[in-house]
PDB file of N, CA and C in Angstrom:
ATOM      1  N   MET A   1       2.877  13.538 -49.830  1.00  0.00           N
ATOM      2  CA  MET A   1       1.832  14.232 -50.317  1.00  0.00           C
ATOM      3  C   MET A   1       0.742  12.554 -51.046  1.00  0.00           C
ATOM      4  N   ASP A   2      -0.274  12.505 -50.564  1.00  0.00           N
ATOM      5  CA  ASP A   2      -1.112  11.366 -51.370  1.00  0.00           C
ATOM      6  C   ASP A   2      -2.573  11.912 -51.694  1.00  0.00           C
ATOM      7  N   SER A   3      -3.795  10.807 -51.735  1.00  0.00           N
ATOM      8  CA  SER A   3      -4.632  11.404 -52.188  1.00  0.00           C
ATOM      9  C   SER A   3      -5.218  11.703 -51.541  1.00  0.00           C
ATOM     10  N   GLY A   4      -5.230  11.997 -50.187  1.00  0.00           N
ATOM     11  CA  GLY A   4      -5.997  13.285 -49.009  1.00  0.00           C
ATOM     12  C   GLY A   4      -6.060  14.393 -49.696  1.00  0.00           C
ATOM     13  N   VAL A   5      -5.113  14.610 -50.144  1.00  0.00           N
ATOM     14  CA  VAL A   5      -5.314  15.815 -51.059  1.00  0.00           C
ATOM     15  C   VAL A   5      -6.704  16.600 -51.765  1.00  0.00           C
ATOM     16  N   LEU A   6      -6.807  15.441 -52.521  1.00  0.00           N
ATOM     17  CA  LEU A   6      -8.278  15.768 -52.688  1.00  0.00           C
ATOM     18  C   LEU A   6     -10.056  15.394 -51.879  1.00  0.00           C
ATOM     19  N   ASN A   7      -9.440  14.852 -50.566  1.00  0.00           N
ATOM     20  CA  ASN A   7     -10.299  14.546 -49.559  1.00  0.00           C
ATOM     21  C   ASN A   7     -11.145  15.790 -48.905  1.00  0.00           C
ATOM     22  N   PRO A   8     -12.224  16.167 -49.125  1.00  0.00           N
ATOM     23  CA  PRO A   8     -12.347  17.102 -48.451  1.00  0.00           C
ATOM     24  C   PRO A   8     -12.623  17.265 -47.156  1.00  0.00           C
ATOM     25  N   ASP A   9     -13.213  15.888 -45.952  1.00  0.00           N
ATOM     26  CA  ASP A   9     -12.807  15.772 -44.937  1.00  0.00           C
ATOM     27  C   ASP A   9     -11.650  15.121 -44.503  1.00  0.00           C
ATOM     28  N   LEU A  10     -10.831  15.643 -44.840  1.00  0.00           N
ATOM     29  CA  LEU A  10      -9.483  15.174 -44.349  1.00  0.00           C
ATOM     30  C   LEU A  10      -8.956  16.072 -42.952  1.00  0.00           C
ATOM     31  N   LEU A  11      -9.538  17.155 -43.048  1.00  0.00           N
ATOM     32  CA  LEU A  11      -8.928  17.908 -41.722  1.00  0.00           C
ATOM     33  C   LEU A  11     -10.347  17.827 -41.021  1.00  0.00           C
ATOM     34  N   LYS A  12     -11.101  17.381 -41.178  1.00  0.00           N
ATOM     35  CA  LYS A  12     -12.565  17.672 -40.480  1.00  0.00           C
ATOM     36  C   LYS A  12     -12.874  17.425 -38.944  1.00  0.00           C
ATOM     37  N   GLY A  13     -12.936  18.378 -38.482  1.00  0.00           N
ATOM     38  CA  GLY A  13     -13.035  18.415 -36.688  1.00  0.00           C
ATOM     39  C   GLY A  13     -11.712  18.477 -36.335  1.00  0.00           C
ATOM     40  N   SER A  14     -10.801  18.996 -36.977  1.00  0.00           N
ATOM     41  CA  SER A  14      -9.488  19.420 -36.649  1.00  0.00           C
ATOM     42  C   SER A  14      -9.250  21.433 -36.925  1.00  0.00           C
ATOM     43  N   ARG A  15      -8.491  21.641 -36.554  1.00  0.00           N
ATOM     44  CA  ARG A  15      -7.751  22.876 -36.800  1.00  0.00           C
ATOM     45  C   ARG A  15      -7.319  23.364 -38.505  1.00  0.00           C
ATOM     46  N   GLY A  16      -8.641  24.077 -39.131  1.00  0.00           N
ATOM     47  CA  GLY A  16      -8.061  24.507 -40.509  1.00  0.00           C
ATOM     48  C   GLY A  16      -9.060  23.213 -41.393  1.00  0.00           C
ATOM     49  N   GLY A  17      -9.654  22.527 -40.360  1.00  0.00           N
ATOM     50  CA  GLY A  17     -11.162  21.936 -41.263  1.00  0.00           C
ATOM     51  C   GLY A  17     -12.360  22.362 -41.941  1.00  0.00           C
ATOM     52  N   ARG A  18     -12.321  23.750 -41.244  1.00  0.00           N
ATOM     53  CA  ARG A  18     -13.100  25.133 -42.031  1.00  0.00           C
ATOM     54  C   ARG A  18     -13.145  25.103 -43.610  1.00  0.00           C
ATOM     55  N   ILE A  19     -11.265  26.063 -43.299  1.00  0.00           N
ATOM     56  CA  ILE A  19     -11.373  26.415 -44.198  1.00  0.00           C
ATOM     57  C   ILE A  19     -10.591  25.136 -45.967  1.00  0.00           C
ATOM     58  N   PHE A  20      -9.988  24.267 -45.079  1.00  0.00           N
ATOM     59  CA  PHE A  20      -9.855  23.165 -46.275  1.00  0.00           C
ATOM     60  C   PHE A  20     -10.459  22.526 -47.563  1.00  0.00           C
ATOM     61  N   PRO A  21     -12.094  22.074 -47.277  1.00  0.00           N
ATOM     62  CA  PRO A  21     -12.527  21.809 -47.864  1.00  0.00           C
ATOM     63  C   PRO A  21     -13.271  23.099 -49.193  1.00  0.00           C
ATOM     64  N   LYS A  22     -13.154  24.396 -48.513  1.00  0.00           N
ATOM     65  CA  LYS A  22     -13.017  25.363 -49.452  1.00  0.00           C
ATOM     66  C   LYS A  22     -12.302  26.043 -50.575  1.00  0.00           C
ATOM     67  N   LEU A  23     -10.477  25.507 -50.389  1.00  0.00           N
ATOM     68  CA  LEU A  23      -9.619  25.744 -51.100  1.00  0.00           C
ATOM     69  C   LEU A  23      -9.460  24.849 -52.618  1.00  0.00           C
ATOM     70  N   PRO A  24      -8.906  25.546 -53.675  1.00  0.00           N
ATOM     71  CA  PRO A  24      -9.129  25.160 -54.652  1.00  0.00           C
ATOM     72  C   PRO A  24      -7.625  23.965 -54.512  1.00  0.00           C
ATOM     73  N   LEU A  25      -7.533  23.276 -55.455  1.00  0.00           N
ATOM     74  CA  LEU A  25      -6.361  22.259 -55.121  1.00  0.00           C
ATOM     75  C   LEU A  25      -5.699  22.623 -54.934  1.00  0.00           C
ATOM     76  N   ARG A  26      -5.098  23.621 -55.907  1.00  0.00           N
ATOM     77  CA  ARG A  26      -3.197  24.196 -55.821  1.00  0.00           C
ATOM     78  C   ARG A  26      -3.323  24.940 -54.339  1.00  0.00           C
ATOM     79  N   ASP A  27      -3.739  25.586 -53.692  1.00  0.00           N
ATOM     80  CA  ASP A  27      -3.404  25.972 -52.207  1.00  0.00           C
ATOM     81  C   ASP A  27      -3.465  25.216 -51.330  1.00  0.00           C
ATOM     82  N   ARG A  28      -4.380  23.784 -51.533  1.00  0.00           N
ATOM     83  CA  ARG A  28      -4.116  22.630 -50.848  1.00  0.00           C
ATOM     84  C   ARG A  28      -2.874  22.161 -51.178  1.00  0.00           C
ATOM     85  N   ILE A  29      -2.419  21.989 -51.935  1.00  0.00           N
ATOM     86  CA  ILE A  29      -0.850  21.171 -52.393  1.00  0.00           C
ATOM     87  C   ILE A  29      -0.130  22.086 -51.833  1.00  0.00           C
ATOM     88  N   ASP A  30       0.087  23.704 -51.921  1.00  0.00           N
ATOM     89  CA  ASP A  30       1.123  24.857 -51.711  1.00  0.00           C
ATOM     90  C   ASP A  30       0.784  24.633 -49.932  1.00  0.00           C
ATOM     91  N   SER A  31      -0.084  23.865 -49.322  1.00  0.00           N
ATOM     92  CA  SER A  31      -0.392  24.555 -47.732  1.00  0.00           C
ATOM     93  C   SER A  31       0.413  22.504 -47.306  1.00  0.00           C
ATOM     94  N   ILE A  32       0.056  21.547 -47.994  1.00  0.00           N
ATOM     95  CA  ILE A  32       1.078  20.198 -47.546  1.00  0.00           C
ATOM     96  C   ILE A  32       2.687  21.010 -47.641  1.00  0.00           C
ATOM     97  N   ILE A  33       2.925  21.175 -49.279  1.00  0.00           N
ATOM     98  CA  ILE A  33       4.267  20.936 -49.086  1.00  0.00           C
ATOM     99  C   ILE A  33       4.532  21.912 -48.543  1.00  0.00           C
ATOM    100  N   ALA A  34       4.393  22.945 -48.436  1.00  0.00           N
ATOM    101  CA  ALA A  34       4.954  23.990 -47.108  1.00  0.00           C
ATOM    102  C   ALA A  34       5.649  23.393 -45.393  1.00  0.00           C
ATOM    103  N   HIS A  35       4.069  22.538 -45.331  1.00  0.00           N
ATOM    104  CA  HIS A  35       4.660  22.036 -43.868  1.00  0.00           C
ATOM    105  C   HIS A  35       5.010  20.825 -43.848  1.00  0.00           C
ATOM    106  N   GLU A  36       4.982  19.823 -45.132  1.00  0.00           N
ATOM    107  CA  GLU A  36       6.482  18.878 -44.944  1.00  0.00           C
ATOM    108  C   GLU A  36       7.430  19.422 -45.087  1.00  0.00           C
ATOM    109  N   TYR A  37       7.643  20.519 -45.521  1.00  0.00           N
ATOM    110  CA  TYR A  37       9.004  21.022 -46.208  1.00  0.00           C
ATOM    111  C   TYR A  37       9.453  21.874 -44.777  1.00  0.00           C
ATOM    112  N   GLU A  38       8.576  21.862 -43.937  1.00  0.00           N
ATOM    113  CA  GLU A  38       8.953  22.831 -42.434  1.00  0.00           C
ATOM    114  C   GLU A  38       9.675  21.995 -41.173  1.00  0.00           C
ATOM    115  N   GLU A  39       8.436  20.118 -41.834  1.00  0.00           N
ATOM    116  CA  GLU A  39       8.607  19.816 -40.976  1.00  0.00           C
ATOM    117  C   GLU A  39      10.372  18.835 -41.167  1.00  0.00           C
ATOM    118  N   ILE A  40      10.145  18.796 -42.235  1.00  0.00           N
ATOM    119  CA  ILE A  40      11.805  18.251 -42.409  1.00  0.00           C
ATOM    120  C   ILE A  40      12.931  18.974 -41.446  1.00  0.00           C
ATOM    121  N   ARG A  41      12.792  20.589 -42.102  1.00  0.00           N
ATOM    122  CA  ARG A  41      13.717  21.331 -41.790  1.00  0.00           C
ATOM    123  C   ARG A  41      13.994  21.431 -39.989  1.00  0.00           C
ATOM    124  N   HIS A  42      12.715  21.094 -40.040  1.00  0.00           N
ATOM    125  CA  HIS A  42      12.657  21.632 -37.994  1.00  0.00           C
ATOM    126  C   HIS A  42      12.866  20.254 -37.042  1.00  0.00           C
ATOM    127  N   GLY A  43      12.031  19.084 -37.664  1.00  0.00           N
ATOM    128  CA  GLY A  43      12.283  17.470 -37.327  1.00  0.00           C
ATOM    129  C   GLY A  43      10.731  17.535 -36.449  1.00  0.00           C
ATOM    130  N   SER A  44       9.871  18.260 -36.291  1.00  0.00           N
ATOM    131  CA  SER A  44       8.398  17.681 -35.894  1.00  0.00           C
ATOM    132  C   SER A  44       7.510  18.409 -36.307  1.00  0.00           C
ATOM    133  N   HIS A  45       6.404  17.526 -36.193  1.00  0.00           N
ATOM    134  CA  HIS A  45       4.837  17.847 -36.477  1.00  0.00           C
ATOM    135  C   HIS A  45       4.448  19.250 -36.287  1.00  0.00           C
ATOM    136  N   ALA A  46       5.206  19.214 -34.794  1.00  0.00           N
ATOM    137  CA  ALA A  46       4.590  20.767 -33.704  1.00  0.00           C
ATOM    138  C   ALA A  46       4.949  22.065 -34.148  1.00  0.00           C
ATOM    139  N   ALA A  47       6.778  22.079 -34.388  1.00  0.00           N
ATOM    140  CA  ALA A  47       7.296  22.543 -35.118  1.00  0.00           C
ATOM    141  C   ALA A  47       6.868  23.236 -36.538  1.00  0.00           C
ATOM    142  N   ALA A  48       6.380  22.030 -37.068  1.00  0.00           N
ATOM    143  CA  ALA A  48       5.800  22.566 -38.827  1.00  0.00           C
ATOM    144  C   ALA A  48       4.760  23.163 -38.736  1.00  0.00           C
ATOM    145  N   LEU A  49       3.958  23.197 -37.846  1.00  0.00           N
ATOM    146  CA  LEU A  49       2.514  23.944 -37.965  1.00  0.00           C
ATOM    147  C   LEU A  49       3.422  25.041 -37.272  1.00  0.00           C
ATOM    148  N   LYS A  50       3.853  25.932 -36.835  1.00  0.00           N
ATOM    149  CA  LYS A  50       4.187  27.289 -36.373  1.00  0.00           C
ATOM    150  C   LYS A  50       4.753  27.585 -37.325  1.00  0.00           C
ATOM    151  N   ALA A  51       6.002  26.933 -37.849  1.00  0.00           N
ATOM    152  CA  ALA A  51       6.873  27.340 -38.888  1.00  0.00           C
ATOM    153  C   ALA A  51       6.164  27.575 -40.838  1.00  0.00           C
ATOM    154  N   ALA A  52       5.389  26.963 -41.013  1.00  0.00           N
ATOM    155  CA  ALA A  52       4.793  26.903 -42.369  1.00  0.00           C
ATOM    156  C   ALA A  52       4.073  28.064 -42.655  1.00  0.00           C
ATOM    157  N   PRO A  53       3.050  28.743 -41.663  1.00  0.00           N
ATOM    158  CA  PRO A  53       3.098  29.706 -42.552  1.00  0.00           C
ATOM    159  C   PRO A  53       3.744  30.996 -43.027  1.00  0.00           C
ATOM    160  N   ARG A  54       4.924  31.051 -42.226  1.00  0.00           N
ATOM    161  CA  ARG A  54       6.184  31.746 -42.705  1.00  0.00           C
ATOM    162  C   ARG A  54       6.991  31.166 -43.451  1.00  0.00           C
ATOM    163  N   THR A  55       6.466  30.012 -44.113  1.00  0.00           N
ATOM    164  CA  THR A  55       7.902  29.568 -44.856  1.00  0.00           C
ATOM    165  C   THR A  55       8.180  30.269 -46.045  1.00  0.00           C
ATOM    166  N   ASP A  56       9.270  29.896 -46.506  1.00  0.00           N
ATOM    167  CA  ASP A  56      10.195  30.981 -47.497  1.00  0.00           C
ATOM    168  C   ASP A  56       9.847  30.583 -48.943  1.00  0.00           C
ATOM    169  N   LEU A  57       8.786  28.864 -48.918  1.00  0.00           N
ATOM    170  CA  LEU A  57       8.533  28.777 -50.345  1.00  0.00           C
ATOM    171  C   LEU A  57       7.782  29.389 -50.762  1.00  0.00           C
ATOM    172  N   PRO A  58       7.693  29.654 -51.938  1.00  0.00           N
ATOM    173  CA  PRO A  58       6.727  30.131 -52.677  1.00  0.00           C
ATOM    174  C   PRO A  58       5.078  29.714 -52.808  1.00  0.00           C
ATOM    175  N   ILE A  59       4.143  29.913 -51.483  1.00  0.00           N
ATOM    176  CA  ILE A  59       2.841  29.493 -51.676  1.00  0.00           C
ATOM    177  C   ILE A  59       1.993  30.339 -52.239  1.00  0.00           C
ATOM    178  N   THR A  60       0.674  30.115 -52.445  1.00  0.00           N
ATOM    179  CA  THR A  60      -0.125  30.879 -52.394  1.00  0.00           C
ATOM    180  C   THR A  60      -0.794  31.688 -51.060  1.00  0.00           C
ATOM    181  N   VAL A  61      -1.176  32.317 -51.283  1.00  0.00           N
ATOM    182  CA  VAL A  61      -1.991  33.329 -50.430  1.00  0.00           C
ATOM    183  C   VAL A  61      -2.632  32.204 -49.469  1.00  0.00           C
ATOM    184  N   LEU A  62      -3.680  31.967 -49.679  1.00  0.00           N
ATOM    185  CA  LEU A  62      -4.972  31.066 -49.574  1.00  0.00           C
ATOM    186  C   LEU A  62      -3.915  30.022 -48.604  1.00  0.00           C
ATOM    187  N   ALA A  63      -3.261  29.427 -49.196  1.00  0.00           N
ATOM    188  CA  ALA A  63      -1.881  28.415 -48.634  1.00  0.00           C
ATOM    189  C   ALA A  63      -1.910  28.530 -47.180  1.00  0.00           C
ATOM    190  N   ARG A  64      -1.349  29.979 -47.475  1.00  0.00           N
ATOM    191  CA  ARG A  64      -0.755  30.615 -45.819  1.00  0.00           C
ATOM    192  C   ARG A  64      -1.746  30.733 -44.702  1.00  0.00           C
ATOM    193  N   ARG A  65      -2.773  30.967 -45.806  1.00  0.00           N
ATOM    194  CA  ARG A  65      -3.952  31.016 -44.861  1.00  0.00           C
ATOM    195  C   ARG A  65      -4.569  29.788 -43.854  1.00  0.00           C
ATOM    196  N   LEU A  66      -4.848  28.997 -44.836  1.00  0.00           N
ATOM    197  CA  LEU A  66      -4.916  27.721 -43.957  1.00  0.00           C
ATOM    198  C   LEU A  66      -3.792  27.146 -43.158  1.00  0.00           C
ATOM    199  N   CYS A  67      -2.414  27.214 -43.864  1.00  0.00           N
ATOM    200  CA  CYS A  67      -1.174  27.147 -42.431  1.00  0.00           C
ATOM    201  C   CYS A  67      -1.487  27.599 -41.556  1.00  0.00           C
ATOM    202  N   ARG A  68      -1.589  28.609 -41.753  1.00  0.00           N
ATOM    203  CA  ARG A  68      -1.898  29.919 -40.228  1.00  0.00           C
ATOM    204  C   ARG A  68      -3.288  29.663 -39.204  1.00  0.00           C
ATOM    205  N   ALA A  69      -4.246  28.951 -39.939  1.00  0.00           N
ATOM    206  CA  ALA A  69      -5.552  28.358 -39.079  1.00  0.00           C
ATOM    207  C   ALA A  69      -5.094  27.326 -38.943  1.00  0.00           C
ATOM    208  N   MET A  70      -4.169  26.154 -38.856  1.00  0.00           N
ATOM    209  CA  MET A  70      -3.703  25.128 -38.911  1.00  0.00           C
ATOM    210  C   MET A  70      -3.217  24.967 -37.622  1.00  0.00           C
ATOM    211  N   ALA A  71      -1.886  26.409 -37.389  1.00  0.00           N
ATOM    212  CA  ALA A  71      -1.160  26.786 -36.368  1.00  0.00           C
ATOM    213  C   ALA A  71      -1.751  26.852 -35.349  1.00  0.00           C
ATOM    214  N   ARG A  72      -2.918  27.989 -35.371  1.00  0.00           N
ATOM    215  CA  ARG A  72      -4.077  27.932 -33.832  1.00  0.00           C
ATOM    216  C   ARG A  72      -4.252  26.679 -33.055  1.00  0.00           C
TER     217      ARG A  72
END
């Protein structure tokens, strides 16, 4: 994770791009942690996009919503 979490334009033009700038920092961080965790577990970015919304990690409801949007 890096300073991109503070950049409201990070996902602009991609899946989740409309939700990301509206989320509180905590939810952004949770969604990124879930994605990175699942990427390590599953071995690819594409697999992590599918797995992150269902992660076993205790992330916020809004973070799961962002992960679902990115998985579409």
